[in-house]
């Protein structure tokens, strides 16, 4: 599962989840569409595979992010 998140000016407090996608191509398309033409907004695509850490949080891996 791929999670698409937007972030304003590298601030974790401004993160908003755009959606969840089963295919990377669809996630990337949605991410690029979400930030298109918006100054200071960037996307992060995280991959989850169902594993959790000892605290019960899902383990995520960042697979793509805009600059």
N, C-alpha and C. Protein backbone atom coordinates (compact mmCIF):
# COMPACT_ATOMS: atom_id res chain seq x y z
N UNK A 1 0.84 -1.17 0.00
CA UNK A 1 0.00 0.00 0.00
C UNK A 1 0.89 1.24 0.00
N UNK A 2 0.54 2.20 -0.81
CA UNK A 2 1.29 3.45 -0.90
C UNK A 2 0.43 4.59 -0.38
N UNK A 3 1.00 5.40 0.50
CA UNK A 3 0.33 6.56 1.07
C UNK A 3 0.94 7.82 0.46
N UNK A 4 0.09 8.71 -0.02
CA UNK A 4 0.54 9.98 -0.59
C UNK A 4 0.25 11.08 0.42
N UNK A 5 1.28 11.83 0.75
CA UNK A 5 1.19 12.89 1.75
C UNK A 5 1.74 14.17 1.14
N UNK A 6 1.08 15.30 1.42
CA UNK A 6 1.65 16.59 1.03
C UNK A 6 2.16 17.30 2.27
N UNK A 7 3.13 18.18 2.05
CA UNK A 7 3.76 18.88 3.16
C UNK A 7 4.11 20.29 2.69
N UNK A 8 3.83 21.28 3.50
CA UNK A 8 4.12 22.68 3.17
C UNK A 8 5.45 23.11 3.78
N UNK A 9 6.38 23.54 2.97
CA UNK A 9 7.66 24.09 3.41
C UNK A 9 8.39 23.21 4.43
N UNK A 10 8.42 21.92 4.21
CA UNK A 10 9.15 20.95 5.05
C UNK A 10 8.68 20.94 6.51
N UNK A 11 7.43 21.29 6.76
CA UNK A 11 6.89 21.29 8.11
C UNK A 11 6.03 20.04 8.32
N UNK A 12 6.42 19.21 9.27
CA UNK A 12 5.66 17.99 9.55
C UNK A 12 4.27 18.30 10.09
N UNK A 13 4.09 19.48 10.67
CA UNK A 13 2.78 19.86 11.20
C UNK A 13 1.78 20.17 10.10
N UNK A 14 2.27 20.41 8.89
CA UNK A 14 1.37 20.75 7.79
C UNK A 14 1.02 19.54 6.93
N UNK A 15 1.43 18.35 7.33
CA UNK A 15 1.20 17.16 6.51
C UNK A 15 -0.28 16.83 6.39
N UNK A 16 -0.66 16.48 5.15
CA UNK A 16 -2.03 16.04 4.86
C UNK A 16 -1.96 14.81 3.97
N UNK A 17 -2.72 13.80 4.33
CA UNK A 17 -2.74 12.58 3.52
C UNK A 17 -3.71 12.77 2.38
N UNK A 18 -3.23 12.53 1.17
CA UNK A 18 -4.04 12.69 -0.04
C UNK A 18 -4.82 11.42 -0.33
N UNK A 19 -4.18 10.26 -0.13
CA UNK A 19 -4.87 9.01 -0.40
C UNK A 19 -3.98 7.81 -0.24
N UNK A 20 -4.59 6.63 -0.39
CA UNK A 20 -3.88 5.36 -0.34
C UNK A 20 -4.09 4.66 -1.68
N UNK A 21 -3.03 4.09 -2.20
CA UNK A 21 -3.08 3.47 -3.51
C UNK A 21 -2.37 2.13 -3.47
N UNK A 22 -2.85 1.19 -4.27
CA UNK A 22 -2.22 -0.13 -4.30
C UNK A 22 -1.09 -0.18 -5.32
N UNK A 23 -1.08 0.74 -6.28
CA UNK A 23 -0.03 0.76 -7.31
C UNK A 23 0.77 2.06 -7.22
N UNK A 24 2.08 1.93 -7.35
CA UNK A 24 2.98 3.09 -7.24
C UNK A 24 2.68 4.13 -8.32
N UNK A 25 2.39 3.69 -9.53
CA UNK A 25 2.15 4.61 -10.63
C UNK A 25 0.96 5.52 -10.33
N UNK A 26 -0.10 4.96 -9.77
CA UNK A 26 -1.29 5.74 -9.42
C UNK A 26 -0.97 6.72 -8.29
N UNK A 27 -0.17 6.28 -7.33
CA UNK A 27 0.22 7.14 -6.21
C UNK A 27 1.05 8.31 -6.71
N UNK A 28 1.99 8.05 -7.60
CA UNK A 28 2.84 9.10 -8.14
C UNK A 28 2.02 10.11 -8.95
N UNK A 29 1.08 9.61 -9.72
CA UNK A 29 0.21 10.49 -10.51
C UNK A 29 -0.61 11.41 -9.60
N UNK A 30 -1.18 10.85 -8.54
CA UNK A 30 -1.97 11.65 -7.60
C UNK A 30 -1.10 12.66 -6.86
N UNK A 31 0.11 12.26 -6.51
CA UNK A 31 1.03 13.14 -5.79
C UNK A 31 1.41 14.34 -6.65
N UNK A 32 1.74 14.09 -7.91
CA UNK A 32 2.13 15.18 -8.79
C UNK A 32 0.96 16.12 -9.06
N UNK A 33 -0.22 15.55 -9.18
CA UNK A 33 -1.42 16.36 -9.41
C UNK A 33 -1.73 17.23 -8.19
N UNK A 34 -1.49 16.71 -6.99
CA UNK A 34 -1.79 17.44 -5.76
C UNK A 34 -0.91 18.67 -5.56
N UNK A 35 0.32 18.64 -6.05
CA UNK A 35 1.22 19.77 -5.84
C UNK A 35 1.38 20.65 -7.07
N UNK A 36 0.79 20.27 -8.17
CA UNK A 36 0.94 20.99 -9.43
C UNK A 36 0.55 22.45 -9.28
N UNK A 37 1.51 23.34 -9.50
CA UNK A 37 1.26 24.77 -9.48
C UNK A 37 1.16 25.41 -8.11
N UNK A 38 1.48 24.67 -7.06
CA UNK A 38 1.38 25.21 -5.70
C UNK A 38 2.78 25.44 -5.14
N UNK A 39 3.06 26.68 -4.83
CA UNK A 39 4.37 27.09 -4.34
C UNK A 39 4.63 26.56 -2.92
N UNK A 40 5.78 25.95 -2.68
CA UNK A 40 6.18 25.50 -1.35
C UNK A 40 5.58 24.17 -0.92
N UNK A 41 4.74 23.57 -1.76
CA UNK A 41 4.11 22.30 -1.42
C UNK A 41 4.90 21.17 -2.06
N UNK A 42 5.12 20.10 -1.30
CA UNK A 42 5.85 18.95 -1.82
C UNK A 42 5.11 17.68 -1.43
N UNK A 43 5.44 16.58 -2.12
CA UNK A 43 4.79 15.33 -1.80
C UNK A 43 5.78 14.31 -1.26
N UNK A 44 5.24 13.36 -0.51
CA UNK A 44 6.00 12.23 0.01
C UNK A 44 5.15 10.99 -0.24
N UNK A 45 5.76 9.96 -0.78
CA UNK A 45 5.06 8.69 -0.98
C UNK A 45 5.71 7.66 -0.07
N UNK A 46 4.91 7.09 0.81
CA UNK A 46 5.39 6.09 1.76
C UNK A 46 4.79 4.73 1.41
N UNK A 47 5.58 3.69 1.60
CA UNK A 47 5.10 2.33 1.36
C UNK A 47 4.97 1.61 2.69
N UNK A 48 3.84 0.92 2.87
CA UNK A 48 3.64 0.10 4.05
C UNK A 48 3.40 -1.34 3.59
N UNK A 49 3.83 -2.27 4.42
CA UNK A 49 3.62 -3.68 4.04
C UNK A 49 2.96 -4.49 5.15
N UNK A 50 2.36 -3.79 6.10
CA UNK A 50 1.62 -4.48 7.15
C UNK A 50 2.41 -4.78 8.41
N UNK A 51 3.71 -4.57 8.39
CA UNK A 51 4.53 -4.83 9.57
C UNK A 51 4.40 -3.68 10.57
N UNK A 52 4.47 -4.00 11.84
CA UNK A 52 4.40 -2.99 12.89
C UNK A 52 5.62 -3.10 13.80
N UNK A 53 5.95 -1.99 14.46
CA UNK A 53 7.08 -2.00 15.40
C UNK A 53 6.59 -2.41 16.78
N UNK A 54 7.47 -2.41 17.75
CA UNK A 54 7.13 -2.87 19.09
C UNK A 54 6.14 -1.94 19.80
N UNK A 55 5.92 -0.73 19.27
CA UNK A 55 4.97 0.21 19.85
C UNK A 55 3.59 0.12 19.19
N UNK A 56 3.46 -0.71 18.18
CA UNK A 56 2.19 -0.86 17.48
C UNK A 56 2.01 0.07 16.31
N UNK A 57 3.07 0.80 15.94
CA UNK A 57 3.01 1.72 14.80
C UNK A 57 3.41 1.00 13.53
N UNK A 58 2.75 1.34 12.43
CA UNK A 58 3.11 0.74 11.15
C UNK A 58 4.49 1.19 10.73
N UNK A 59 5.25 0.28 10.18
CA UNK A 59 6.57 0.60 9.66
C UNK A 59 6.39 1.10 8.23
N UNK A 60 6.89 2.32 7.96
CA UNK A 60 6.76 2.91 6.62
C UNK A 60 8.14 3.16 6.04
N UNK A 61 8.20 3.10 4.72
CA UNK A 61 9.42 3.38 3.98
C UNK A 61 9.10 4.45 2.95
N UNK A 62 9.87 5.53 2.95
CA UNK A 62 9.68 6.58 1.96
C UNK A 62 10.27 6.08 0.64
N UNK A 63 9.43 6.01 -0.39
CA UNK A 63 9.89 5.52 -1.69
C UNK A 63 10.06 6.63 -2.70
N UNK A 64 9.43 7.78 -2.48
CA UNK A 64 9.59 8.91 -3.40
C UNK A 64 9.19 10.20 -2.67
N UNK A 65 9.85 11.28 -3.04
CA UNK A 65 9.47 12.59 -2.53
C UNK A 65 9.93 13.65 -3.52
N UNK A 66 9.21 14.73 -3.57
CA UNK A 66 9.58 15.82 -4.45
C UNK A 66 10.60 16.72 -3.75
N UNK A 67 11.22 17.57 -4.54
CA UNK A 67 12.26 18.43 -3.96
C UNK A 67 11.73 19.75 -3.52
